[in-house]
């Protein structure tokens, strides 16, 4: 049974310049995962100890990841993306802007989730992931009870989980899954909040494509409840 969260690993043949970056730059900033164990300290993965570490799963071409890294030079960023063409695109941005606060994991995100230390992530992004719309593929959707257990383990108390999608069935699925989980609460104040991106939002290429198709994305924000409080909560669904 294929339960991968991602589709293709590669697309068109890379141009020579991008292929060179994959061969030279990627090994320098690739996040290495210990076999059968967990990373001891994320601060040691960066040249300068960051004040916090944020994680983006499925960064596409890396535009959002790089823009966040530019805007927050004191934050360490881990980007997960198995699609080599997307990784190569991100590497061009890292090189062009001289970004030293990005580490890339170019394999199945489940491997890095298993390896991250407890309470080590201050913000987690899952933006315009593949919705796997066919019913037989629902098990390949990233948001599930098991994955949320992992998110809850690795996120700090009060950390934020940002989700965005233009696929309404996936939005409903995600909201149902998260509201059932005792470790998360929905950051919503009004009926229209889910249509408005956060104030510091950075547009992604997939978001721009959705707008060009005339579709309106949905933006969901959740926070990781304090561990002591989460133990006393009851699921909302």
Foldseek 3Di string as FASTA:
>chain_A
DDQALDDDLEDDDDDPVLVVCVVPVQVVQADDFDPPEADDAVLVSFPHRAPAEAEEEACQLQPQVLVVCVVRVRYAYEYEAQHSNSVSSNSVSCVVVVRRRYHYHNDGVVRNLRHAAFQRHQEYEYEAGDLLPDPVNNSNHQQALVNVVSVLGRHHAFGKYKYKHLDVVSVVVNVLRQLQQLFKDWPDDDPCPQQDEPPPDDDDPVCVVCVVVVTGMTMTMMTGHHPVVSVVDGRPD
